[in-house]
Amino acid sequence: MLIHLNDVLSCDGKVIFQTVDLEMDSFDSGLGSFPLIRKEPVELTITNLGEEKLKIEGRTELAAVIPCDRCLEEVKTLLKLAFNKEVDMKQTAEGRIKDLDETDFIIGYNLDVDKLVYSEILVNWPMKTLCREDCKGICRKCGTNLNHGSCSCDTVELDPRMAVIAEIFKNSN
């Protein structure tokens, strides 16, 4: 959703409050595509700080379905996002790149709320997602989810430095 910023830029000190619904239905990144099963509206406060500088504050809550890092079961993960950004509207696109300013959510005099929230999700994405703290994961050999039961695979792992000796004993039988 685009918000036109001309109104707030018209007067120094002007503040606008806006509640916006997100249009994105999933979070797509290099890690994969993760459906958003709950999306609270984004509550925004945009303040003109003067000299064509804006302060953008907002918050929202989202729930995404992320696979467990150990067993791959789907986990409903709550993401509480709160952000506070300052944007210099005088700066050109080239100037923003030169200053390493990552405000790709400003397009001309418009604020792209979905791009802003996308970048906040990216920063707040959990490093590790587990279905539960004591998740046992999956068997390395057969792929059985060990949380639901055990498998009949041999789980003894020998020291790789002893592999040559193990081969000798295996061949001698």
N, C-alpha and C. Protein backbone atom coordinates (compact mmCIF):
# COMPACT_ATOMS: atom_id res chain seq x y z
N MET A 1 0.85 -1.18 0.00
CA MET A 1 0.00 0.00 0.00
C MET A 1 0.89 1.23 0.00
N LEU A 2 0.56 2.19 -0.83
CA LEU A 2 1.31 3.44 -0.90
C LEU A 2 0.58 4.53 -0.11
N ILE A 3 1.36 5.28 0.66
CA ILE A 3 0.84 6.45 1.37
C ILE A 3 1.49 7.68 0.76
N HIS A 4 0.69 8.62 0.32
CA HIS A 4 1.20 9.86 -0.25
C HIS A 4 1.67 10.77 0.88
N LEU A 5 2.90 11.26 0.76
CA LEU A 5 3.51 12.05 1.82
C LEU A 5 3.41 13.55 1.58
N ASN A 6 2.77 13.98 0.48
CA ASN A 6 2.67 15.41 0.18
C ASN A 6 1.97 16.18 1.29
N ASP A 7 0.94 15.58 1.87
CA ASP A 7 0.16 16.27 2.91
C ASP A 7 1.01 16.57 4.14
N VAL A 8 1.78 15.58 4.60
CA VAL A 8 2.59 15.78 5.80
C VAL A 8 3.79 16.68 5.51
N LEU A 9 4.27 16.68 4.28
CA LEU A 9 5.42 17.52 3.91
C LEU A 9 5.03 18.98 3.72
N SER A 10 3.74 19.26 3.66
CA SER A 10 3.28 20.63 3.39
C SER A 10 3.52 21.60 4.55
N CYS A 11 3.69 21.09 5.77
CA CYS A 11 3.81 21.97 6.92
C CYS A 11 4.77 21.37 7.95
N ASP A 12 5.77 22.16 8.38
CA ASP A 12 6.70 21.69 9.41
C ASP A 12 5.95 21.38 10.69
N GLY A 13 6.32 20.27 11.33
CA GLY A 13 5.69 19.87 12.59
C GLY A 13 4.39 19.12 12.42
N LYS A 14 3.93 18.93 11.21
CA LYS A 14 2.66 18.24 10.98
C LYS A 14 2.82 16.75 11.27
N VAL A 15 1.80 16.17 11.88
CA VAL A 15 1.80 14.76 12.25
C VAL A 15 0.55 14.12 11.67
N ILE A 16 0.72 12.96 11.05
CA ILE A 16 -0.45 12.20 10.60
C ILE A 16 -0.38 10.80 11.20
N PHE A 17 -1.54 10.29 11.54
CA PHE A 17 -1.68 8.93 12.06
C PHE A 17 -2.46 8.15 11.03
N GLN A 18 -1.99 6.95 10.72
CA GLN A 18 -2.68 6.15 9.73
C GLN A 18 -2.57 4.68 10.09
N THR A 19 -3.67 3.96 9.87
CA THR A 19 -3.69 2.51 10.05
C THR A 19 -3.86 1.90 8.68
N VAL A 20 -2.92 1.00 8.34
CA VAL A 20 -2.87 0.46 6.98
C VAL A 20 -2.86 -1.06 7.04
N ASP A 21 -3.66 -1.69 6.17
CA ASP A 21 -3.64 -3.14 6.05
C ASP A 21 -2.51 -3.56 5.11
N LEU A 22 -1.82 -4.63 5.46
CA LEU A 22 -0.75 -5.15 4.61
C LEU A 22 -1.34 -5.91 3.43
N GLU A 23 -0.70 -5.77 2.28
CA GLU A 23 -1.15 -6.48 1.09
C GLU A 23 -0.42 -7.80 0.92
N MET A 24 0.78 -7.94 1.50
CA MET A 24 1.56 -9.18 1.31
C MET A 24 0.93 -10.33 2.09
N ASP A 25 0.90 -11.50 1.44
CA ASP A 25 0.34 -12.70 2.06
C ASP A 25 1.40 -13.68 2.51
N SER A 26 2.65 -13.44 2.06
CA SER A 26 3.74 -14.32 2.46
C SER A 26 5.03 -13.51 2.49
N PHE A 27 5.99 -14.03 3.23
CA PHE A 27 7.32 -13.43 3.30
C PHE A 27 8.22 -14.28 2.42
N ASP A 28 8.68 -13.71 1.31
CA ASP A 28 9.52 -14.43 0.36
C ASP A 28 10.94 -13.90 0.44
N SER A 29 11.88 -14.82 0.68
CA SER A 29 13.29 -14.44 0.76
C SER A 29 14.13 -15.57 0.19
N GLY A 30 15.43 -15.44 0.31
CA GLY A 30 16.33 -16.49 -0.14
C GLY A 30 16.16 -17.78 0.64
N LEU A 31 15.56 -17.70 1.81
CA LEU A 31 15.33 -18.88 2.64
C LEU A 31 14.10 -19.67 2.19
N GLY A 32 13.23 -19.04 1.42
CA GLY A 32 12.01 -19.68 0.95
C GLY A 32 10.82 -18.74 1.06
N SER A 33 9.63 -19.31 0.93
CA SER A 33 8.39 -18.55 1.03
C SER A 33 7.64 -19.01 2.27
N PHE A 34 7.30 -18.05 3.13
CA PHE A 34 6.67 -18.36 4.40
C PHE A 34 5.31 -17.65 4.47
N PRO A 35 4.21 -18.41 4.54
CA PRO A 35 2.89 -17.77 4.59
C PRO A 35 2.68 -16.97 5.87
N LEU A 36 2.02 -15.83 5.73
CA LEU A 36 1.63 -15.02 6.88
C LEU A 36 0.19 -15.40 7.21
N ILE A 37 -0.02 -16.06 8.35
CA ILE A 37 -1.35 -16.55 8.70
C ILE A 37 -2.14 -15.54 9.53
N ARG A 38 -1.45 -14.53 10.05
CA ARG A 38 -2.13 -13.45 10.78
C ARG A 38 -1.41 -12.16 10.51
N LYS A 39 -2.17 -11.12 10.17
CA LYS A 39 -1.59 -9.81 9.90
C LYS A 39 -2.43 -8.75 10.59
N GLU A 40 -1.84 -8.12 11.58
CA GLU A 40 -2.50 -6.98 12.22
C GLU A 40 -2.25 -5.75 11.35
N PRO A 41 -3.17 -4.80 11.32
CA PRO A 41 -2.91 -3.57 10.56
C PRO A 41 -1.69 -2.83 11.12
N VAL A 42 -0.98 -2.15 10.24
CA VAL A 42 0.21 -1.39 10.63
C VAL A 42 -0.26 -0.02 11.12
N GLU A 43 0.11 0.33 12.34
CA GLU A 43 -0.23 1.64 12.90
C GLU A 43 0.97 2.56 12.68
N LEU A 44 0.77 3.60 11.89
CA LEU A 44 1.86 4.51 11.52
C LEU A 44 1.64 5.90 12.09
N THR A 45 2.75 6.51 12.49
CA THR A 45 2.77 7.92 12.86
C THR A 45 3.88 8.55 12.03
N ILE A 46 3.51 9.51 11.19
CA ILE A 46 4.48 10.17 10.33
C ILE A 46 4.55 11.64 10.75
N THR A 47 5.75 12.08 11.12
CA THR A 47 5.95 13.43 11.63
C THR A 47 6.91 14.18 10.72
N ASN A 48 6.54 15.42 10.37
CA ASN A 48 7.43 16.30 9.61
C ASN A 48 8.35 16.99 10.61
N LEU A 49 9.65 16.69 10.54
CA LEU A 49 10.62 17.27 11.47
C LEU A 49 11.16 18.60 10.98
N GLY A 50 10.74 19.04 9.82
CA GLY A 50 11.25 20.27 9.23
C GLY A 50 12.41 19.97 8.29
N GLU A 51 12.71 20.89 7.42
CA GLU A 51 13.78 20.75 6.44
C GLU A 51 13.63 19.48 5.61
N GLU A 52 12.39 19.13 5.29
CA GLU A 52 12.03 17.96 4.49
C GLU A 52 12.55 16.64 5.08
N LYS A 53 12.53 16.55 6.39
CA LYS A 53 12.89 15.30 7.07
C LYS A 53 11.63 14.76 7.74
N LEU A 54 11.45 13.46 7.61
CA LEU A 54 10.29 12.80 8.19
C LEU A 54 10.73 11.76 9.21
N LYS A 55 9.93 11.63 10.24
CA LYS A 55 10.10 10.56 11.22
C LYS A 55 8.92 9.61 11.03
N ILE A 56 9.23 8.34 10.76
CA ILE A 56 8.20 7.34 10.53
C ILE A 56 8.27 6.32 11.65
N GLU A 57 7.21 6.25 12.43
CA GLU A 57 7.12 5.30 13.53
C GLU A 57 5.95 4.37 13.25
N GLY A 58 6.11 3.12 13.63
CA GLY A 58 5.03 2.18 13.40
C GLY A 58 5.20 0.91 14.19
N ARG A 59 4.12 0.15 14.20
CA ARG A 59 4.16 -1.15 14.87
C ARG A 59 3.06 -2.03 14.29
N THR A 60 3.32 -3.33 14.35
CA THR A 60 2.35 -4.32 13.92
C THR A 60 2.74 -5.68 14.48
N GLU A 61 1.85 -6.63 14.38
CA GLU A 61 2.13 -8.01 14.76
C GLU A 61 1.73 -8.91 13.61
N LEU A 62 2.61 -9.87 13.33
CA LEU A 62 2.38 -10.84 12.26
C LEU A 62 2.63 -12.24 12.80
N ALA A 63 2.00 -13.22 12.19
CA ALA A 63 2.29 -14.62 12.50
C ALA A 63 2.64 -15.31 11.19
N ALA A 64 3.80 -15.95 11.17
CA ALA A 64 4.27 -16.66 9.98
C ALA A 64 4.41 -18.14 10.31
N VAL A 65 4.30 -18.96 9.27
CA VAL A 65 4.51 -20.40 9.42
C VAL A 65 5.93 -20.69 8.96
N ILE A 66 6.78 -21.13 9.91
CA ILE A 66 8.19 -21.39 9.64
C ILE A 66 8.49 -22.84 10.02
N PRO A 67 9.22 -23.58 9.18
CA PRO A 67 9.55 -24.96 9.56
C PRO A 67 10.57 -25.00 10.71
N CYS A 68 10.40 -25.97 11.58
CA CYS A 68 11.34 -26.17 12.69
C CYS A 68 12.71 -26.49 12.10
N ASP A 69 13.76 -25.92 12.68
CA ASP A 69 15.11 -26.13 12.17
C ASP A 69 15.64 -27.55 12.40
N ARG A 70 15.00 -28.31 13.29
CA ARG A 70 15.48 -29.67 13.57
C ARG A 70 14.62 -30.75 12.92
N CYS A 71 13.29 -30.61 12.97
CA CYS A 71 12.42 -31.69 12.48
C CYS A 71 11.56 -31.29 11.29
N LEU A 72 11.59 -30.04 10.90
CA LEU A 72 10.85 -29.50 9.75
C LEU A 72 9.34 -29.43 9.93
N GLU A 73 8.84 -29.63 11.16
CA GLU A 73 7.41 -29.45 11.42
C GLU A 73 7.09 -27.95 11.32
N GLU A 74 5.90 -27.62 10.88
CA GLU A 74 5.53 -26.21 10.76
C GLU A 74 5.28 -25.61 12.14
N VAL A 75 5.82 -24.40 12.34
CA VAL A 75 5.71 -23.70 13.62
C VAL A 75 5.10 -22.33 13.36
N LYS A 76 4.03 -22.03 14.08
CA LYS A 76 3.43 -20.70 14.01
C LYS A 76 4.30 -19.77 14.86
N THR A 77 4.89 -18.76 14.21
CA THR A 77 5.84 -17.87 14.88
C THR A 77 5.30 -16.44 14.87
N LEU A 78 5.21 -15.85 16.04
CA LEU A 78 4.72 -14.47 16.18
C LEU A 78 5.88 -13.50 16.00
N LEU A 79 5.68 -12.50 15.17
CA LEU A 79 6.68 -11.44 14.95
C LEU A 79 6.07 -10.12 15.37
N LYS A 80 6.61 -9.53 16.43
CA LYS A 80 6.16 -8.21 16.88
C LYS A 80 7.13 -7.19 16.32
N LEU A 81 6.65 -6.33 15.47
CA LEU A 81 7.51 -5.35 14.81
C LEU A 81 7.22 -3.95 15.33
N ALA A 82 8.26 -3.23 15.66
CA ALA A 82 8.17 -1.83 16.04
C ALA A 82 9.36 -1.14 15.38
N PHE A 83 9.10 -0.04 14.69
CA PHE A 83 10.19 0.64 13.99
C PHE A 83 10.09 2.14 14.15
N ASN A 84 11.24 2.78 13.99
CA ASN A 84 11.38 4.22 14.11
C ASN A 84 12.44 4.64 13.11
N LYS A 85 12.03 5.29 12.03
CA LYS A 85 12.95 5.65 10.94
C LYS A 85 12.91 7.17 10.72
N GLU A 86 14.08 7.70 10.35
CA GLU A 86 14.16 9.10 9.92
C GLU A 86 14.55 9.11 8.45
N VAL A 87 13.82 9.87 7.65
CA VAL A 87 14.05 9.90 6.21
C VAL A 87 14.26 11.35 5.78
N ASP A 88 15.34 11.56 5.03
CA ASP A 88 15.62 12.87 4.45
C ASP A 88 15.05 12.88 3.03
N MET A 89 13.97 13.60 2.84
CA MET A 89 13.29 13.63 1.54
C MET A 89 14.04 14.45 0.50
N LYS A 90 14.99 15.28 0.93
CA LYS A 90 15.78 16.08 -0.02
C LYS A 90 16.80 15.23 -0.74
N GLN A 91 17.19 14.15 -0.15
CA GLN A 91 18.25 13.32 -0.70
C GLN A 91 17.76 12.57 -1.94
N THR A 92 18.60 12.53 -2.97
CA THR A 92 18.27 11.82 -4.20
C THR A 92 18.50 10.33 -4.02
N ALA A 93 18.02 9.54 -4.96
CA ALA A 93 18.22 8.09 -4.90
C ALA A 93 19.70 7.76 -4.94
N GLU A 94 20.47 8.49 -5.76
CA GLU A 94 21.91 8.26 -5.84
C GLU A 94 22.60 8.63 -4.53
N GLY A 95 22.13 9.70 -3.91
CA GLY A 95 22.69 10.12 -2.62
C GLY A 95 22.42 9.10 -1.52
N ARG A 96 21.25 8.48 -1.56
CA ARG A 96 20.92 7.45 -0.57
C ARG A 96 21.82 6.24 -0.74
N ILE A 97 22.08 5.87 -1.99
CA ILE A 97 22.96 4.73 -2.25
C ILE A 97 24.37 5.04 -1.76
N LYS A 98 24.83 6.28 -2.04
CA LYS A 98 26.19 6.68 -1.63
C LYS A 98 26.32 6.66 -0.10
N ASP A 99 25.28 7.09 0.61
CA ASP A 99 25.30 7.13 2.07
C ASP A 99 24.90 5.80 2.71
N LEU A 100 24.69 4.78 1.87
CA LEU A 100 24.24 3.47 2.33
C LEU A 100 22.93 3.55 3.11
N ASP A 101 22.09 4.48 2.71
CA ASP A 101 20.78 4.67 3.34
C ASP A 101 19.82 3.68 2.70
N GLU A 102 19.29 2.77 3.49
CA GLU A 102 18.43 1.72 2.95
C GLU A 102 16.97 2.10 3.08
N THR A 103 16.57 3.13 2.36
CA THR A 103 15.17 3.56 2.39
C THR A 103 14.53 3.27 1.04
N ASP A 104 14.54 2.00 0.64
CA ASP A 104 13.91 1.63 -0.62
C ASP A 104 12.39 1.65 -0.52
N PHE A 105 11.87 1.92 0.67
CA PHE A 105 10.43 2.01 0.86
C PHE A 105 9.88 3.40 0.52
N ILE A 106 10.76 4.36 0.20
CA ILE A 106 10.34 5.68 -0.24
C ILE A 106 10.49 5.73 -1.76
N ILE A 107 9.38 5.95 -2.44
CA ILE A 107 9.38 6.03 -3.90
C ILE A 107 8.82 7.41 -4.25
N GLY A 108 9.71 8.32 -4.63
CA GLY A 108 9.27 9.70 -4.88
C GLY A 108 8.77 10.32 -3.59
N TYR A 109 7.50 10.72 -3.58
CA TYR A 109 6.87 11.26 -2.37
C TYR A 109 5.82 10.29 -1.83
N ASN A 110 6.10 9.00 -1.98
CA ASN A 110 5.20 7.96 -1.50
C ASN A 110 5.94 7.00 -0.58
N LEU A 111 5.23 6.50 0.42
CA LEU A 111 5.75 5.51 1.35
C LEU A 111 5.11 4.17 1.01
N ASP A 112 5.93 3.19 0.65
CA ASP A 112 5.45 1.83 0.37
C ASP A 112 5.49 1.05 1.68
N VAL A 113 4.33 0.88 2.29
CA VAL A 113 4.24 0.25 3.62
C VAL A 113 4.67 -1.22 3.56
N ASP A 114 4.32 -1.93 2.50
CA ASP A 114 4.71 -3.34 2.39
C ASP A 114 6.22 -3.50 2.34
N LYS A 115 6.92 -2.63 1.60
CA LYS A 115 8.39 -2.71 1.54
C LYS A 115 9.00 -2.37 2.90
N LEU A 116 8.42 -1.41 3.60
CA LEU A 116 8.91 -1.05 4.93
C LEU A 116 8.77 -2.22 5.89
N VAL A 117 7.61 -2.86 5.89
CA VAL A 117 7.36 -4.00 6.78
C VAL A 117 8.23 -5.19 6.36
N TYR A 118 8.42 -5.39 5.06
CA TYR A 118 9.28 -6.47 4.57
C TYR A 118 10.69 -6.34 5.14
N SER A 119 11.24 -5.13 5.09
CA SER A 119 12.60 -4.92 5.60
C SER A 119 12.65 -5.13 7.11
N GLU A 120 11.59 -4.78 7.82
CA GLU A 120 11.54 -5.01 9.27
C GLU A 120 11.42 -6.50 9.60
N ILE A 121 10.67 -7.25 8.79
CA ILE A 121 10.58 -8.70 8.99
C ILE A 121 11.96 -9.31 8.78
N LEU A 122 12.64 -8.86 7.74
CA LEU A 122 13.98 -9.38 7.42
C LEU A 122 14.95 -9.18 8.58
N VAL A 123 14.89 -8.02 9.22
CA VAL A 123 15.78 -7.72 10.34
C VAL A 123 15.37 -8.51 11.59
N ASN A 124 14.09 -8.75 11.77
CA ASN A 124 13.59 -9.40 12.99
C ASN A 124 13.32 -10.90 12.82
N TRP A 125 13.72 -11.46 11.69
CA TRP A 125 13.48 -12.89 11.44
C TRP A 125 14.25 -13.72 12.48
N PRO A 126 13.63 -14.73 13.07
CA PRO A 126 14.32 -15.51 14.10
C PRO A 126 15.52 -16.27 13.55
N MET A 127 16.60 -16.30 14.33
CA MET A 127 17.81 -17.01 13.92
C MET A 127 17.56 -18.52 13.90
N LYS A 128 16.78 -19.01 14.86
CA LYS A 128 16.50 -20.43 14.95
C LYS A 128 15.05 -20.60 15.37
N THR A 129 14.34 -21.48 14.69
CA THR A 129 12.95 -21.76 15.01
C THR A 129 12.84 -23.22 15.41
N LEU A 130 12.30 -23.45 16.60
CA LEU A 130 12.12 -24.82 17.09
C LEU A 130 10.65 -25.04 17.43
N CYS A 131 10.16 -26.25 17.16
CA CYS A 131 8.77 -26.59 17.50
C CYS A 131 8.62 -26.69 19.02
N ARG A 132 9.68 -27.09 19.68
CA ARG A 132 9.76 -27.12 21.14
C ARG A 132 11.23 -27.17 21.52
N GLU A 133 11.53 -26.79 22.75
CA GLU A 133 12.92 -26.70 23.19
C GLU A 133 13.66 -28.04 23.13
N ASP A 134 12.96 -29.14 23.42
CA ASP A 134 13.61 -30.45 23.43
C ASP A 134 13.37 -31.24 22.14
N CYS A 135 13.22 -30.54 21.02
CA CYS A 135 12.99 -31.19 19.73
C CYS A 135 14.15 -32.14 19.43
N LYS A 136 13.82 -33.38 19.06
CA LYS A 136 14.85 -34.39 18.79
C LYS A 136 15.30 -34.40 17.34
N GLY A 137 14.56 -33.72 16.47
CA GLY A 137 14.96 -33.65 15.07
C GLY A 137 14.55 -34.87 14.27
N ILE A 138 15.26 -35.11 13.17
CA ILE A 138 14.96 -36.25 12.31
C ILE A 138 16.18 -37.17 12.24
N CYS A 139 15.93 -38.43 11.96
CA CYS A 139 17.01 -39.41 11.82
C CYS A 139 17.84 -39.06 10.59
N ARG A 140 19.14 -39.11 10.73
CA ARG A 140 20.04 -38.77 9.62
C ARG A 140 20.00 -39.81 8.50
N LYS A 141 19.58 -41.02 8.84
CA LYS A 141 19.59 -42.09 7.83
C LYS A 141 18.25 -42.27 7.14
N CYS A 142 17.17 -42.35 7.91
CA CYS A 142 15.87 -42.65 7.28
C CYS A 142 14.91 -41.46 7.24
N GLY A 143 15.19 -40.39 7.98
CA GLY A 143 14.35 -39.20 7.94
C GLY A 143 13.14 -39.24 8.85
N THR A 144 13.04 -40.22 9.72
CA THR A 144 11.91 -40.31 10.66
C THR A 144 11.97 -39.17 11.66
N ASN A 145 10.81 -38.56 11.93
CA ASN A 145 10.73 -37.51 12.94
C ASN A 145 10.85 -38.19 14.31
N LEU A 146 11.94 -37.93 15.01
CA LEU A 146 12.22 -38.61 16.28
C LEU A 146 11.34 -38.10 17.42
N ASN A 147 10.59 -37.04 17.23
CA ASN A 147 9.64 -36.57 18.24
C ASN A 147 8.42 -37.49 18.31
N HIS A 148 8.11 -38.18 17.20
CA HIS A 148 6.94 -39.05 17.13
C HIS A 148 7.27 -40.50 17.48
N GLY A 149 8.53 -40.83 17.54
CA GLY A 149 8.93 -42.20 17.85
C GLY A 149 10.34 -42.45 17.35
N SER A 150 10.88 -43.59 17.75
CA SER A 150 12.25 -43.90 17.33
C SER A 150 12.21 -44.76 16.07
N CYS A 151 13.37 -44.90 15.46
CA CYS A 151 13.49 -45.73 14.26
C CYS A 151 14.45 -46.87 14.56
N SER A 152 14.62 -47.79 13.63
CA SER A 152 15.48 -48.95 13.86
C SER A 152 16.88 -48.78 13.26
N CYS A 153 17.22 -47.57 12.90
CA CYS A 153 18.54 -47.31 12.31
C CYS A 153 19.64 -47.43 13.37
N ASP A 154 20.83 -47.86 12.91
CA ASP A 154 21.99 -47.95 13.80
C ASP A 154 22.48 -46.53 14.06
N THR A 155 22.45 -46.11 15.31
CA THR A 155 22.82 -44.73 15.64
C THR A 155 24.24 -44.60 16.16
N VAL A 156 24.99 -45.71 16.18
CA VAL A 156 26.36 -45.66 16.67
C VAL A 156 27.22 -44.97 15.61
N GLU A 157 27.89 -43.93 16.02
CA GLU A 157 28.78 -43.23 15.11
C GLU A 157 30.20 -43.40 15.61
N LEU A 158 31.03 -43.96 14.75
CA LEU A 158 32.42 -44.21 15.13
C LEU A 158 33.26 -42.97 14.87
N ASP A 159 34.33 -42.90 15.60
CA ASP A 159 35.30 -41.82 15.41
C ASP A 159 35.89 -41.96 14.01
N PRO A 160 35.84 -40.91 13.18
CA PRO A 160 36.34 -41.02 11.81
C PRO A 160 37.83 -41.39 11.74
N ARG A 161 38.56 -41.12 12.79
CA ARG A 161 39.98 -41.47 12.81
C ARG A 161 40.17 -42.98 12.91
N MET A 162 39.13 -43.68 13.36
CA MET A 162 39.20 -45.13 13.51
C MET A 162 38.57 -45.86 12.33
N ALA A 163 38.20 -45.15 11.28
CA ALA A 163 37.52 -45.74 10.15
C ALA A 163 38.36 -46.81 9.47
N VAL A 164 39.66 -46.63 9.35
CA VAL A 164 40.53 -47.61 8.70
C VAL A 164 40.54 -48.91 9.51
N ILE A 165 40.65 -48.81 10.82
CA ILE A 165 40.66 -50.00 11.67
C ILE A 165 39.31 -50.70 11.61
N ALA A 166 38.22 -49.96 11.58
CA ALA A 166 36.89 -50.55 11.48
C ALA A 166 36.75 -51.31 10.17
N GLU A 167 37.30 -50.81 9.07
CA GLU A 167 37.27 -51.47 7.78
C GLU A 167 38.03 -52.79 7.85
N ILE A 168 39.16 -52.81 8.53
CA ILE A 168 39.95 -54.03 8.65
C ILE A 168 39.14 -55.09 9.37
N PHE A 169 38.48 -54.74 10.50
CA PHE A 169 37.68 -55.71 11.24
C PHE A 169 36.47 -56.16 10.43
N LYS A 170 35.90 -55.26 9.66
CA LYS A 170 34.72 -55.59 8.85
C LYS A 170 35.11 -56.58 7.75
N ASN A 171 36.28 -56.40 7.15
CA ASN A 171 36.75 -57.28 6.08
C ASN A 171 37.23 -58.63 6.60
N SER A 172 37.64 -58.71 7.86
CA SER A 172 38.16 -59.96 8.42
C SER A 172 37.05 -60.93 8.79
N ASN A 173 35.81 -60.48 8.86
CA ASN A 173 34.68 -61.36 9.22
C ASN A 173 34.18 -62.13 8.07
